[in-house]
Protein backbone atom coordinates (compact mmCIF):
# COMPACT_ATOMS: atom_id res chain seq x y z
CA UNK A 1 90.29 106.63 98.57
CA UNK A 2 87.86 104.87 100.89
CA UNK A 3 85.86 102.33 99.11
CA UNK A 4 82.76 100.49 100.48
CA UNK A 5 81.90 97.21 98.76
CA UNK A 6 78.62 95.62 99.40
CA UNK A 7 78.61 91.93 98.57
CA UNK A 8 76.06 89.54 100.13
CA UNK A 9 78.37 86.57 99.70
CA UNK A 10 82.18 86.21 99.72
CA UNK A 11 84.53 83.25 99.50
CA UNK A 12 84.42 83.05 103.22
CA UNK A 13 80.84 81.91 102.75
CA UNK A 14 80.98 79.56 99.72
CA UNK A 15 82.96 78.99 96.52
CA UNK A 16 81.83 80.82 93.43
CA UNK A 17 82.91 83.26 90.63
CA UNK A 18 81.07 86.37 91.77
CA UNK A 19 82.30 86.26 95.26
CA UNK A 20 85.79 85.56 94.13
CA UNK A 21 85.82 88.50 91.81
CA UNK A 22 84.63 90.78 94.74
CA UNK A 23 87.12 89.63 97.21
CA UNK A 24 90.05 89.79 94.53
CA UNK A 25 89.06 93.34 93.92
CA UNK A 26 88.91 94.25 97.58
CA UNK A 27 92.28 92.82 98.32
CA UNK A 28 93.82 94.53 95.08
CA UNK A 29 92.50 97.87 96.04
CA UNK A 30 94.12 97.47 99.56
CA UNK A 31 97.42 96.69 97.77
CA UNK A 32 97.03 99.68 95.75
CA UNK A 33 97.02 102.00 98.85
CA UNK A 34 93.32 102.31 99.38
CA UNK A 35 91.06 101.64 102.45
CA UNK A 36 88.44 99.06 101.81
CA UNK A 37 85.36 98.05 103.86
CA UNK A 38 83.32 95.13 102.73
CA UNK A 39 79.70 94.59 103.94
CA UNK A 40 78.53 91.01 103.67
CA UNK A 41 76.13 88.44 105.22
CA UNK A 42 76.78 86.68 108.57
CA UNK A 43 79.91 84.64 108.81
CA UNK A 44 79.15 81.90 111.72
CA UNK A 45 82.11 81.64 113.86
CA UNK A 46 83.46 85.06 113.04
CA UNK A 47 83.06 88.40 114.89
CA UNK A 48 80.77 91.15 113.45
CA UNK A 49 83.83 93.21 112.28
CA UNK A 50 87.32 91.80 111.64
CA UNK A 51 90.12 92.35 109.27
CA UNK A 52 91.34 89.96 106.55
CA UNK A 53 94.35 90.61 104.45
CA UNK A 54 93.99 94.40 104.95
CA UNK A 55 90.27 94.43 104.14
CA UNK A 56 87.90 95.51 106.98
CA UNK A 57 84.86 93.06 106.79
CA UNK A 58 81.47 93.81 108.52
CA UNK A 59 79.32 90.85 108.59
CA UNK A 60 75.67 91.45 109.32
CA UNK A 61 74.55 89.35 112.35
CA UNK A 62 71.66 87.00 111.74
CA UNK A 63 71.48 87.75 107.96
CA UNK A 64 71.87 84.55 105.85
CA UNK A 65 74.14 84.63 102.83
CA UNK A 66 71.99 82.32 100.49
CA UNK A 67 69.50 84.93 99.37
CA UNK A 68 68.49 88.63 99.89
CA UNK A 69 65.89 89.39 102.48
CA UNK A 70 64.58 92.21 104.68
CA UNK A 71 67.45 91.49 107.15
CA UNK A 72 69.98 92.22 104.30
CA UNK A 73 68.32 95.40 103.15
CA UNK A 74 67.78 96.83 106.62
CA UNK A 75 71.40 95.95 107.87
CA UNK A 76 73.15 97.05 104.87
CA UNK A 77 71.45 100.58 104.92
CA UNK A 78 72.29 100.85 108.63
CA UNK A 79 75.97 100.03 108.09
CA UNK A 80 76.09 102.49 105.20
CA UNK A 81 74.86 105.33 107.25
CA UNK A 82 77.57 104.60 109.63
CA UNK A 83 80.20 104.49 106.81
CA UNK A 84 78.95 107.44 104.70
CA UNK A 85 80.78 110.18 106.34
CA UNK A 86 84.14 108.87 105.28
CA UNK A 87 83.04 106.89 102.17
CA UNK A 88 84.25 108.18 98.78
CA UNK A 89 83.04 105.41 96.47
CA UNK A 90 80.34 102.45 96.76
CA UNK A 91 80.73 99.35 94.75
CA UNK A 92 77.66 97.11 94.72
CA UNK A 93 78.23 93.48 93.76
CA UNK A 94 74.99 92.73 91.85
CA UNK A 95 72.02 94.13 93.78
CA UNK A 96 73.64 94.19 97.17
CA UNK A 97 73.64 98.06 97.58
CA UNK A 98 70.03 98.52 96.28
CA UNK A 99 68.69 99.42 99.65
CA UNK A 100 71.12 102.33 99.90
CA UNK A 101 70.04 104.06 96.78
CA UNK A 102 67.10 105.78 98.49
CA UNK A 103 69.64 107.57 100.75
CA UNK A 104 71.53 108.99 97.61
CA UNK A 105 70.05 112.54 97.89
CA UNK A 106 71.81 112.96 101.41
CA UNK A 107 75.14 111.76 100.05
CA UNK A 108 75.24 113.38 96.70
CA UNK A 109 79.12 113.47 96.59
CA UNK A 110 79.52 109.47 96.64
CA UNK A 111 79.49 107.74 93.43
CA UNK A 112 77.53 104.51 93.27
CA UNK A 113 78.55 101.77 90.89
CA UNK A 114 76.94 98.48 90.38
CA UNK A 115 78.78 95.43 89.10
CA UNK A 116 76.52 93.31 87.06
CA UNK A 117 77.39 89.61 86.36
CA UNK A 118 74.23 88.98 84.55
CA UNK A 119 70.67 89.99 84.33
CA UNK A 120 67.39 88.60 85.67
CA UNK A 121 66.35 88.19 82.02
CA UNK A 122 69.25 86.16 81.19
CA UNK A 123 68.70 84.02 84.35
CA UNK A 124 65.03 83.28 83.22
CA UNK A 125 66.16 82.20 79.74
CA UNK A 126 68.77 79.94 81.19
CA UNK A 127 66.14 78.32 83.34
CA UNK A 128 63.62 77.99 80.57
CA UNK A 129 66.41 76.14 78.36
CA UNK A 130 66.76 73.42 80.98
CA UNK A 131 63.29 72.28 80.08
CA UNK A 132 62.59 71.27 83.70
CA UNK A 133 59.24 72.26 85.38
CA UNK A 134 61.13 72.98 88.59
CA UNK A 135 63.35 75.55 86.99
CA UNK A 136 60.45 77.03 85.14
CA UNK A 137 58.64 77.64 88.23
CA UNK A 138 61.76 79.18 89.83
CA UNK A 139 61.93 81.50 87.04
CA UNK A 140 58.92 83.39 88.19
CA UNK A 141 61.02 84.79 90.97
CA UNK A 142 63.65 86.02 88.49
CA UNK A 143 60.81 87.70 86.38
CA UNK A 144 59.77 89.62 89.51
CA UNK A 145 63.38 90.77 89.79
CA UNK A 146 63.49 92.22 86.22
CA UNK A 147 61.14 95.01 87.36
CA UNK A 148 63.11 95.55 90.50
CA UNK A 149 66.35 95.74 88.48
CA UNK A 150 65.06 98.32 85.95
CA UNK A 151 64.09 100.50 88.92
CA UNK A 152 67.61 100.18 90.44
CA UNK A 153 69.73 100.46 87.51
CA UNK A 154 68.85 104.05 86.70
CA UNK A 155 69.79 105.20 90.20
CA UNK A 156 73.46 104.04 89.98
CA UNK A 157 75.92 106.36 88.37
CA UNK A 158 77.27 103.52 86.27
CA UNK A 159 76.56 99.88 85.81
CA UNK A 160 79.66 97.90 85.08
CA UNK A 161 79.21 94.82 82.78
CA UNK A 162 81.80 92.13 83.77
CA UNK A 163 81.84 90.69 80.23
CA UNK A 164 80.71 91.48 76.56
CA UNK A 165 77.72 89.12 76.94
CA UNK A 166 76.52 91.20 79.95
CA UNK A 167 77.24 94.33 78.22
CA UNK A 168 75.23 93.35 75.40
CA UNK A 169 72.12 92.43 77.58
CA UNK A 170 72.48 95.69 79.34
CA UNK A 171 72.30 97.56 76.15
CA UNK A 172 69.20 95.75 74.90
CA UNK A 173 65.63 96.08 75.66
CA UNK A 174 64.17 96.07 78.25
CA UNK A 175 67.08 97.45 80.23
CA UNK A 176 68.00 100.11 77.62
CA UNK A 177 64.60 101.60 78.24
CA UNK A 178 65.41 102.41 81.87
CA UNK A 179 69.28 102.71 81.64
CA UNK A 180 71.09 105.03 79.04
CA UNK A 181 73.71 103.25 77.25
CA UNK A 182 76.42 105.83 78.31
CA UNK A 183 75.91 104.63 81.87
CA UNK A 184 76.95 101.12 81.13
CA UNK A 185 80.69 100.34 81.09
CA UNK A 186 82.53 97.14 80.26
CA UNK A 187 85.21 96.23 82.71
CA UNK A 188 86.00 92.62 82.27
CA UNK A 189 86.69 90.39 85.12
CA UNK A 190 90.38 90.13 86.06
CA UNK A 191 92.57 87.29 87.08
CA UNK A 192 95.67 87.57 89.19
CA UNK A 193 98.20 86.23 86.89
CA UNK A 194 100.92 86.08 89.60
CA UNK A 195 98.78 83.31 91.07
CA UNK A 196 97.27 81.61 88.21
CA UNK A 197 100.07 80.47 85.83
CA UNK A 198 101.41 77.13 84.61
CA UNK A 199 103.53 75.12 86.90
CA UNK A 200 104.74 71.60 85.62
CA UNK A 201 105.89 70.66 89.13
CA UNK A 202 102.37 71.10 90.45
CA UNK A 203 101.13 68.75 87.65
CA UNK A 204 103.59 66.06 88.58
CA UNK A 205 102.70 66.36 92.16
CA UNK A 206 98.93 66.08 91.62
CA UNK A 207 99.10 63.30 89.02
CA UNK A 208 101.03 61.24 91.59
CA UNK A 209 98.51 61.92 94.22
CA UNK A 210 95.64 60.80 92.00
CA UNK A 211 97.73 57.56 91.01
CA UNK A 212 97.93 58.64 87.35
CA UNK A 213 101.00 58.45 85.26
CA UNK A 214 102.60 61.04 82.91
CA UNK A 215 100.96 59.52 79.94
CA UNK A 216 97.34 60.60 80.82
CA UNK A 217 95.61 63.35 78.92
CA UNK A 218 93.55 65.32 81.56
CA UNK A 219 90.32 67.15 80.82
CA UNK A 220 89.13 69.47 83.56
CA UNK A 221 85.98 71.09 84.43
CA UNK A 222 85.44 73.54 87.43
CA UNK A 223 81.87 74.75 88.29
CA UNK A 224 79.05 74.22 90.70
CA UNK A 225 77.40 70.71 89.94
CA UNK A 226 74.04 72.09 88.81
CA UNK A 227 71.96 71.02 85.96
CA UNK A 228 72.61 74.25 84.09
CA UNK A 229 76.41 73.92 84.18
CA UNK A 230 76.24 71.00 81.70
CA UNK A 231 78.59 68.51 83.23
CA UNK A 232 76.30 65.65 82.21
CA UNK A 233 77.05 66.94 78.60
CA UNK A 234 80.65 67.05 79.31
CA UNK A 235 80.76 63.39 80.43
CA UNK A 236 78.94 62.36 77.26
CA UNK A 237 81.79 64.04 75.20
CA UNK A 238 84.59 62.76 77.35
CA UNK A 239 83.15 59.21 76.83
CA UNK A 240 83.53 59.73 73.14
CA UNK A 241 86.96 61.20 73.46
CA UNK A 242 88.08 58.27 75.46
CA UNK A 243 87.23 56.04 72.48
CA UNK A 244 89.42 58.05 70.22
CA UNK A 245 92.40 59.02 72.47
CA UNK A 246 94.32 56.85 74.95
CA UNK A 247 94.74 57.49 78.48
CA UNK A 248 92.01 60.17 78.78
CA UNK A 249 91.19 61.29 82.33
CA UNK A 250 88.54 63.78 83.48
CA UNK A 251 88.71 66.04 86.58
CA UNK A 252 85.32 67.34 87.82
CA UNK A 253 86.09 70.07 90.17
CA UNK A 254 83.18 71.42 92.32
CA UNK A 255 80.14 70.23 94.21
CA UNK A 256 76.42 70.71 94.05
CA UNK A 257 73.05 69.00 93.91
CA UNK A 258 73.81 67.01 90.84
CA UNK A 259 76.97 65.22 92.14
CA UNK A 260 75.33 61.90 92.75
CA UNK A 261 73.39 61.94 89.53
CA UNK A 262 76.63 62.73 87.51
CA UNK A 263 78.76 59.96 89.35
CA UNK A 264 75.91 57.55 88.35
CA UNK A 265 76.02 58.87 84.78
CA UNK A 266 79.78 58.48 84.56
CA UNK A 267 79.48 54.86 85.68
CA UNK A 268 76.82 54.19 83.12
CA UNK A 269 79.18 55.55 80.42
CA UNK A 270 81.98 53.15 81.55
CA UNK A 271 83.98 56.25 82.88
CA UNK A 272 84.15 55.06 86.62
CA UNK A 273 88.01 54.66 86.46
CA UNK A 274 88.53 57.71 84.25
CA UNK A 275 86.68 60.34 86.13
CA UNK A 276 87.61 61.88 89.50
CA UNK A 277 85.16 64.09 91.39
CA UNK A 278 87.09 66.32 93.71
CA UNK A 279 84.06 67.90 95.48
CA UNK A 280 84.22 71.38 96.61
CA UNK A 281 87.74 72.80 96.68
CA UNK A 282 89.36 76.13 97.81
CA UNK A 283 90.86 78.27 95.11
CA UNK A 284 94.32 77.38 95.92
CA UNK A 285 93.46 73.72 95.22
CA UNK A 286 91.54 74.68 92.24
CA UNK A 287 94.82 76.13 90.81
CA UNK A 288 96.75 72.83 91.30
CA UNK A 289 93.90 70.92 89.42
CA UNK A 290 94.06 73.47 86.45
CA UNK A 291 97.89 73.18 86.61
CA UNK A 292 97.58 69.26 86.19
CA UNK A 293 95.26 69.52 83.23
CA UNK A 294 95.73 69.62 79.43
CA UNK A 295 92.43 71.23 78.40
CA UNK A 296 89.45 72.97 80.19
CA UNK A 297 85.91 71.94 79.29
CA UNK A 298 82.64 74.02 80.16
CA UNK A 299 79.57 72.84 78.36
CA UNK A 300 77.23 75.27 80.31
CA UNK A 301 73.73 75.68 79.03
CA UNK A 302 73.21 78.73 81.14
CA UNK A 303 73.48 82.44 80.03
CA UNK A 304 76.89 83.26 81.52
CA UNK A 305 78.46 86.62 82.09
CA UNK A 306 82.25 86.28 81.81
CA UNK A 307 83.04 82.85 83.61
CA UNK A 308 85.93 83.19 86.03
CA UNK A 309 86.79 79.45 85.55
CA UNK A 310 87.60 79.85 81.84
CA UNK A 311 89.82 83.05 82.42
CA UNK A 312 91.67 81.19 85.19
CA UNK A 313 92.28 78.25 82.84
CA UNK A 314 93.47 80.64 80.10
CA UNK A 315 95.77 82.34 82.57
CA UNK A 316 97.29 78.87 83.38
CA UNK A 317 97.75 78.31 79.57
CA UNK A 318 95.16 75.82 79.05
CA UNK A 319 93.32 75.51 75.65
CA UNK A 320 89.56 75.76 76.42
CA UNK A 321 86.32 74.10 74.92
CA UNK A 322 83.40 76.06 75.87
CA UNK A 323 79.71 76.43 74.89
CA UNK A 324 78.96 78.76 71.93
CA UNK A 325 78.37 82.33 72.94
CA UNK A 326 80.14 82.30 76.32
CA UNK A 327 83.57 83.55 75.07
CA UNK A 328 84.53 85.43 71.93
CA UNK A 329 86.88 83.20 69.88
CA UNK A 330 88.47 86.19 68.08
CA UNK A 331 89.48 87.70 71.35
CA UNK A 332 91.15 84.54 72.60
CA UNK A 333 92.36 83.04 69.39
CA UNK A 334 92.97 79.28 68.77
CA UNK A 335 93.08 78.55 72.50
CA UNK A 336 89.27 78.83 72.60
CA UNK A 337 86.94 76.60 70.79
CA UNK A 338 83.29 77.30 70.93
CA UNK A 339 80.87 74.24 70.54
CA UNK A 340 77.11 73.39 70.70
CA UNK A 341 76.94 71.93 74.12
CA UNK A 342 74.46 69.35 73.28
CA UNK A 343 76.48 67.83 70.32
CA UNK A 344 78.72 65.33 72.04
CA UNK A 345 80.56 64.49 68.96
CA UNK A 346 81.31 68.17 68.07
CA UNK A 347 82.67 68.55 71.70
CA UNK A 348 84.73 65.46 71.63
CA UNK A 349 86.36 66.52 68.27
CA UNK A 350 86.93 69.93 69.72
CA UNK A 351 88.61 68.30 72.72
CA UNK A 352 90.83 66.09 70.41
CA UNK A 353 91.97 69.15 68.50
CA UNK A 354 92.73 71.25 71.92
CA UNK A 355 94.87 68.33 73.08
CA UNK A 356 97.09 68.76 70.10
CA UNK A 357 97.64 72.44 70.88
CA UNK A 358 99.02 71.83 74.48
CA UNK A 359 99.42 74.17 77.29
CA UNK A 360 101.23 77.54 76.79
CA UNK A 361 103.75 77.93 79.54
CA UNK A 362 103.44 81.69 79.39
CA UNK A 363 99.58 81.63 79.65
CA UNK A 364 97.05 82.39 77.08
CA UNK A 365 95.15 85.27 78.80
CA UNK A 366 95.20 88.79 77.21
CA UNK A 367 96.36 91.44 79.52
CA UNK A 368 92.95 93.04 79.28
CA UNK A 369 91.67 90.35 81.54
CA UNK A 370 94.43 90.69 84.23
CA UNK A 371 93.42 91.72 87.77
CA UNK A 372 95.81 94.80 87.60
CA UNK A 373 93.93 96.06 84.51
CA UNK A 374 90.72 95.50 86.18
CA UNK A 375 91.66 97.44 89.30
CA UNK A 376 93.00 100.30 87.21
CA UNK A 377 89.64 100.51 85.40
CA UNK A 378 87.47 100.66 88.61
CA UNK A 379 89.78 103.12 90.28
CA UNK A 380 89.67 105.54 87.07
CA UNK A 381 85.93 105.09 86.97
CA UNK A 382 85.60 105.93 90.75
CA UNK A 383 87.73 109.10 90.16
CA UNK A 384 85.94 110.25 87.15
CA UNK A 385 82.57 109.87 88.74
CA UNK A 386 83.63 111.63 91.98
CA UNK A 387 84.92 114.40 89.99
CA UNK A 388 81.73 114.72 88.12
CA UNK A 389 79.58 114.68 91.22
CA UNK A 390 81.72 117.30 92.91
CA UNK A 391 81.36 119.58 89.84
CA UNK A 392 77.59 119.12 89.91
CA UNK A 393 77.33 119.93 93.48
CA UNK A 394 79.40 122.98 92.93
CA UNK A 395 77.29 124.25 90.08
CA UNK A 396 74.19 123.69 92.06
CA UNK A 397 75.52 125.64 95.00
CA UNK A 398 76.37 128.50 92.63
CA UNK A 399 72.87 128.76 91.34
CA UNK A 400 71.28 128.30 94.70
């Protein structure tokens, strides 16, 4: 099968969950014997077209990756018209393929699938919850996207929700008014469990590099350092935990606009010698930090889809403490504790309990969330939709 993936941003541009999911899928499709072309934004220093790990990448010259714009819409449509004669399935990461939808009548045999990592309504609610005027103002742009999304959703064959929270949003008003529920399918984000797994040797190596001895109890967070990710709330909880548990250390993995403020906050809490800010790291380095930790902490205040950082931590075997409503505790068992993110005492208590659970060497991620299961589900969906479209075209021709 020849698959075209449209994703404005990839790990080649920046670190983030959505781009990691897109790239993992592209490579896994190739390993399964399929031909994959990924259309993305410009990659400075890279040619317009090149191959990486068997995936053909077409980077749109002069198109920035940070946001959608006229250049992206024109460029993606132009490239699709060049690919369409051999394309057998289109996967749109978020809204990346929206400009192609107006061409669907010319390419009726090609199934179009959108991968939804969240909704514009969810983004609006997340920004309102920060209670900051700047985010309230920026939410106006997201409100405008709500209406654009409603028009686009109904033109895709299927909208894939990457997690149960996203699925629930897709099946609720106002989206259900435009998109029938039977065209929403849950395919959870998948983790490459051959890569993300426990490794005691990696822990020892990293602790030595940081100058920490074997007695430390390591809490780790991995996210963009943005106000909505709640790392300031995590610092408050770690401060309380350090008063109850000896030798606590906190790894803050990631970078972003709040880094300086968070470093100052850590110093005010007396955590200067207990917290290590890694800055932005490659995914391979993130794996080593996870393998060095004893528990994952994510006190996000954002409406999340299915956070990749939590799934990666579970694959490594870490118990996880996460904001209420992000993960279903019933699905992950005692390895996930849900907490009110603003309640530092409740978060610290959950961390204390998680430290007694310990790391599971065999991992704590259900097979439903493996990359292999994710790839199988997408390929099955493409085949089903392709057969359905072929049948519809044949019936139309018979009655013509």
